[in-house]
Amino acid sequence: MEQKIKQEKGLSIGGNLKKLRNGARMTQEQVAAQLQLRNFAVTRSAYSQMESGTYSIRVGELIALVEIFRTDFNTVFKDLNYNQKSEL
């Protein structure tokens, strides 16, 4: 069973994914296509849900996104902390 990272309201990596995508000058469609090339069945709509924080990202998908955006996990999780949710 593949592990997933559940994004929660107020504690989501979606905003960071959007920043990384925009920094890479890619569309959501292009990111989805890159994920599909890596054998992940992700549509543009599903990727949009990742950015909005309503999609539980599979660990493999997250690793692929780090490769696609040529970044690291610290950047994906930048400015997030476990206290953030409890402060809402």
N, C-alpha and C. Protein backbone atom coordinates (compact mmCIF):
# COMPACT_ATOMS: atom_id res chain seq x y z
N MET A 1 0.84 -1.19 0.00
CA MET A 1 0.00 0.00 0.00
C MET A 1 0.88 1.24 0.00
N GLU A 2 0.64 2.10 -0.94
CA GLU A 2 1.44 3.31 -1.05
C GLU A 2 1.01 4.33 0.00
N GLN A 3 1.98 4.96 0.63
CA GLN A 3 1.71 5.94 1.66
C GLN A 3 1.33 7.28 1.04
N LYS A 4 0.43 8.00 1.74
CA LYS A 4 0.00 9.31 1.28
C LYS A 4 0.27 10.35 2.36
N ILE A 5 0.45 11.58 1.92
CA ILE A 5 0.59 12.70 2.82
C ILE A 5 -0.72 13.48 2.75
N LYS A 6 -1.45 13.48 3.84
CA LYS A 6 -2.74 14.16 3.87
C LYS A 6 -2.53 15.64 4.15
N GLN A 7 -3.01 16.46 3.25
CA GLN A 7 -2.95 17.89 3.46
C GLN A 7 -4.18 18.29 4.27
N GLU A 8 -3.97 19.14 5.25
CA GLU A 8 -5.06 19.58 6.10
C GLU A 8 -5.29 21.07 5.93
N LYS A 9 -6.50 21.49 6.20
CA LYS A 9 -6.82 22.91 6.11
C LYS A 9 -5.87 23.69 7.02
N GLY A 10 -5.21 24.66 6.47
CA GLY A 10 -4.28 25.47 7.23
C GLY A 10 -2.88 24.90 7.31
N LEU A 11 -2.69 23.67 6.87
CA LEU A 11 -1.37 23.05 6.89
C LEU A 11 -1.21 22.25 5.61
N SER A 12 -0.83 22.96 4.55
CA SER A 12 -0.79 22.36 3.22
C SER A 12 0.47 22.80 2.49
N ILE A 13 1.01 21.89 1.68
CA ILE A 13 2.17 22.23 0.87
C ILE A 13 1.73 22.80 -0.49
N GLY A 14 0.43 22.88 -0.71
CA GLY A 14 -0.09 23.33 -2.00
C GLY A 14 0.43 24.67 -2.45
N GLY A 15 0.49 25.63 -1.55
CA GLY A 15 0.99 26.96 -1.91
C GLY A 15 2.44 26.92 -2.36
N ASN A 16 3.23 26.09 -1.68
CA ASN A 16 4.63 25.94 -2.08
C ASN A 16 4.76 25.26 -3.43
N LEU A 17 3.89 24.27 -3.70
CA LEU A 17 3.91 23.63 -5.02
C LEU A 17 3.58 24.63 -6.12
N LYS A 18 2.62 25.50 -5.85
CA LYS A 18 2.25 26.51 -6.85
C LYS A 18 3.42 27.48 -7.10
N LYS A 19 4.09 27.90 -6.04
CA LYS A 19 5.25 28.79 -6.19
C LYS A 19 6.34 28.10 -7.00
N LEU A 20 6.59 26.83 -6.71
CA LEU A 20 7.62 26.10 -7.45
C LEU A 20 7.24 25.95 -8.91
N ARG A 21 5.97 25.65 -9.18
CA ARG A 21 5.51 25.52 -10.57
C ARG A 21 5.65 26.83 -11.32
N ASN A 22 5.22 27.92 -10.69
CA ASN A 22 5.34 29.23 -11.34
C ASN A 22 6.80 29.60 -11.55
N GLY A 23 7.65 29.27 -10.58
CA GLY A 23 9.08 29.54 -10.72
C GLY A 23 9.70 28.75 -11.86
N ALA A 24 9.16 27.57 -12.11
CA ALA A 24 9.65 26.74 -13.22
C ALA A 24 8.98 27.12 -14.54
N ARG A 25 8.07 28.09 -14.49
CA ARG A 25 7.34 28.56 -15.68
C ARG A 25 6.62 27.41 -16.38
N MET A 26 5.92 26.63 -15.55
CA MET A 26 5.17 25.49 -16.07
C MET A 26 3.68 25.69 -15.80
N THR A 27 2.86 25.12 -16.64
CA THR A 27 1.43 25.12 -16.40
C THR A 27 1.08 23.87 -15.59
N GLN A 28 -0.12 23.86 -15.03
CA GLN A 28 -0.57 22.66 -14.33
C GLN A 28 -0.62 21.47 -15.28
N GLU A 29 -1.02 21.72 -16.51
CA GLU A 29 -1.08 20.66 -17.52
C GLU A 29 0.31 20.08 -17.77
N GLN A 30 1.32 20.92 -17.83
CA GLN A 30 2.68 20.44 -18.06
C GLN A 30 3.20 19.61 -16.89
N VAL A 31 2.87 20.03 -15.68
CA VAL A 31 3.29 19.26 -14.50
C VAL A 31 2.60 17.90 -14.51
N ALA A 32 1.29 17.88 -14.79
CA ALA A 32 0.56 16.62 -14.86
C ALA A 32 1.17 15.71 -15.92
N ALA A 33 1.54 16.27 -17.06
CA ALA A 33 2.15 15.47 -18.13
C ALA A 33 3.48 14.88 -17.67
N GLN A 34 4.28 15.66 -16.94
CA GLN A 34 5.56 15.16 -16.43
C GLN A 34 5.33 14.03 -15.43
N LEU A 35 4.30 14.15 -14.61
CA LEU A 35 3.97 13.08 -13.67
C LEU A 35 3.52 11.83 -14.41
N GLN A 36 2.73 12.02 -15.47
CA GLN A 36 2.27 10.88 -16.28
C GLN A 36 3.44 10.17 -16.94
N LEU A 37 4.45 10.93 -17.39
CA LEU A 37 5.65 10.32 -17.98
C LEU A 37 6.39 9.46 -16.97
N ARG A 38 6.18 9.75 -15.69
CA ARG A 38 6.81 8.98 -14.62
C ARG A 38 5.86 7.91 -14.08
N ASN A 39 4.83 7.60 -14.87
CA ASN A 39 3.86 6.53 -14.56
C ASN A 39 2.93 6.84 -13.38
N PHE A 40 2.63 8.11 -13.14
CA PHE A 40 1.63 8.48 -12.16
C PHE A 40 0.39 8.94 -12.90
N ALA A 41 -0.76 8.40 -12.55
CA ALA A 41 -2.02 8.73 -13.22
C ALA A 41 -2.60 10.00 -12.62
N VAL A 42 -1.96 11.13 -12.92
CA VAL A 42 -2.37 12.42 -12.37
C VAL A 42 -2.85 13.31 -13.51
N THR A 43 -4.08 13.77 -13.41
CA THR A 43 -4.62 14.69 -14.40
C THR A 43 -4.32 16.13 -13.98
N ARG A 44 -4.60 17.06 -14.86
CA ARG A 44 -4.44 18.47 -14.51
C ARG A 44 -5.34 18.81 -13.32
N SER A 45 -6.54 18.27 -13.33
CA SER A 45 -7.48 18.51 -12.24
C SER A 45 -6.95 17.99 -10.91
N ALA A 46 -6.37 16.80 -10.92
CA ALA A 46 -5.80 16.24 -9.70
C ALA A 46 -4.62 17.08 -9.22
N TYR A 47 -3.79 17.55 -10.16
CA TYR A 47 -2.67 18.40 -9.75
C TYR A 47 -3.18 19.71 -9.17
N SER A 48 -4.24 20.25 -9.76
CA SER A 48 -4.85 21.47 -9.22
C SER A 48 -5.29 21.25 -7.78
N GLN A 49 -5.82 20.08 -7.49
CA GLN A 49 -6.24 19.75 -6.13
C GLN A 49 -5.03 19.66 -5.19
N MET A 50 -3.89 19.22 -5.71
CA MET A 50 -2.67 19.21 -4.88
C MET A 50 -2.34 20.63 -4.45
N GLU A 51 -2.40 21.56 -5.41
CA GLU A 51 -2.07 22.95 -5.11
C GLU A 51 -3.09 23.60 -4.18
N SER A 52 -4.34 23.16 -4.26
CA SER A 52 -5.37 23.76 -3.40
C SER A 52 -5.43 23.09 -2.03
N GLY A 53 -4.69 21.99 -1.85
CA GLY A 53 -4.62 21.33 -0.56
C GLY A 53 -5.73 20.33 -0.30
N THR A 54 -6.45 19.94 -1.35
CA THR A 54 -7.57 19.01 -1.17
C THR A 54 -7.25 17.60 -1.66
N TYR A 55 -6.01 17.33 -2.00
CA TYR A 55 -5.59 16.04 -2.54
C TYR A 55 -4.51 15.47 -1.63
N SER A 56 -4.68 14.24 -1.22
CA SER A 56 -3.65 13.57 -0.42
C SER A 56 -2.57 13.05 -1.36
N ILE A 57 -1.40 13.66 -1.28
CA ILE A 57 -0.32 13.37 -2.21
C ILE A 57 0.38 12.07 -1.82
N ARG A 58 0.57 11.21 -2.79
CA ARG A 58 1.33 9.98 -2.56
C ARG A 58 2.81 10.33 -2.44
N VAL A 59 3.50 9.58 -1.62
CA VAL A 59 4.92 9.85 -1.39
C VAL A 59 5.69 9.80 -2.72
N GLY A 60 5.38 8.83 -3.57
CA GLY A 60 6.04 8.74 -4.87
C GLY A 60 5.79 9.96 -5.74
N GLU A 61 4.58 10.49 -5.69
CA GLU A 61 4.25 11.70 -6.45
C GLU A 61 5.06 12.89 -5.93
N LEU A 62 5.21 12.97 -4.61
CA LEU A 62 5.97 14.06 -4.03
C LEU A 62 7.44 13.99 -4.44
N ILE A 63 7.99 12.78 -4.44
CA ILE A 63 9.38 12.60 -4.88
C ILE A 63 9.51 13.04 -6.34
N ALA A 64 8.54 12.66 -7.17
CA ALA A 64 8.58 13.05 -8.59
C ALA A 64 8.47 14.56 -8.74
N LEU A 65 7.64 15.21 -7.95
CA LEU A 65 7.49 16.67 -8.03
C LEU A 65 8.80 17.37 -7.65
N VAL A 66 9.48 16.84 -6.65
CA VAL A 66 10.77 17.41 -6.27
C VAL A 66 11.74 17.32 -7.45
N GLU A 67 11.73 16.19 -8.16
CA GLU A 67 12.58 16.03 -9.34
C GLU A 67 12.16 16.98 -10.46
N ILE A 68 10.85 17.07 -10.72
CA ILE A 68 10.34 17.92 -11.80
C ILE A 68 10.73 19.37 -11.57
N PHE A 69 10.57 19.84 -10.33
CA PHE A 69 10.87 21.24 -10.02
C PHE A 69 12.34 21.47 -9.69
N ARG A 70 13.13 20.40 -9.70
CA ARG A 70 14.57 20.49 -9.40
C ARG A 70 14.81 21.25 -8.10
N THR A 71 14.18 20.74 -7.06
CA THR A 71 14.26 21.37 -5.75
C THR A 71 14.54 20.32 -4.70
N ASP A 72 14.31 20.64 -3.45
CA ASP A 72 14.49 19.68 -2.36
C ASP A 72 13.26 19.70 -1.46
N PHE A 73 13.20 18.74 -0.56
CA PHE A 73 12.04 18.62 0.32
C PHE A 73 11.91 19.79 1.28
N ASN A 74 13.03 20.39 1.68
CA ASN A 74 12.97 21.55 2.57
C ASN A 74 12.19 22.68 1.91
N THR A 75 12.37 22.87 0.63
CA THR A 75 11.66 23.94 -0.08
C THR A 75 10.17 23.61 -0.19
N VAL A 76 9.85 22.35 -0.41
CA VAL A 76 8.43 21.94 -0.50
C VAL A 76 7.71 22.21 0.82
N PHE A 77 8.40 21.98 1.94
CA PHE A 77 7.77 22.13 3.25
C PHE A 77 8.12 23.47 3.92
N LYS A 78 8.69 24.39 3.17
CA LYS A 78 9.11 25.69 3.71
C LYS A 78 7.95 26.43 4.37
N ASP A 79 8.24 27.02 5.50
CA ASP A 79 7.30 27.85 6.26
C ASP A 79 6.11 27.09 6.84
N LEU A 80 6.20 25.78 6.91
CA LEU A 80 5.15 24.98 7.56
C LEU A 80 5.69 24.44 8.87
N ASN A 81 4.84 24.40 9.89
CA ASN A 81 5.22 23.75 11.14
C ASN A 81 3.98 23.20 11.80
N TYR A 82 4.18 22.26 12.69
CA TYR A 82 3.05 21.57 13.30
C TYR A 82 2.20 22.47 14.18
N ASN A 83 2.73 23.58 14.66
CA ASN A 83 1.96 24.52 15.47
C ASN A 83 0.99 25.35 14.63
N GLN A 84 1.26 25.40 13.35
CA GLN A 84 0.46 26.23 12.45
C GLN A 84 -1.00 25.83 12.47
N LYS A 85 -1.29 24.54 12.46
CA LYS A 85 -2.67 24.08 12.46
C LYS A 85 -3.38 24.43 13.76
N SER A 86 -2.71 24.24 14.87
CA SER A 86 -3.35 24.49 16.16
C SER A 86 -3.61 25.97 16.42
N GLU A 87 -2.91 26.84 15.69
CA GLU A 87 -3.10 28.28 15.85
C GLU A 87 -4.32 28.79 15.11
N LEU A 88 -4.89 27.98 14.24
CA LEU A 88 -6.04 28.43 13.44
C LEU A 88 -7.32 28.42 14.22
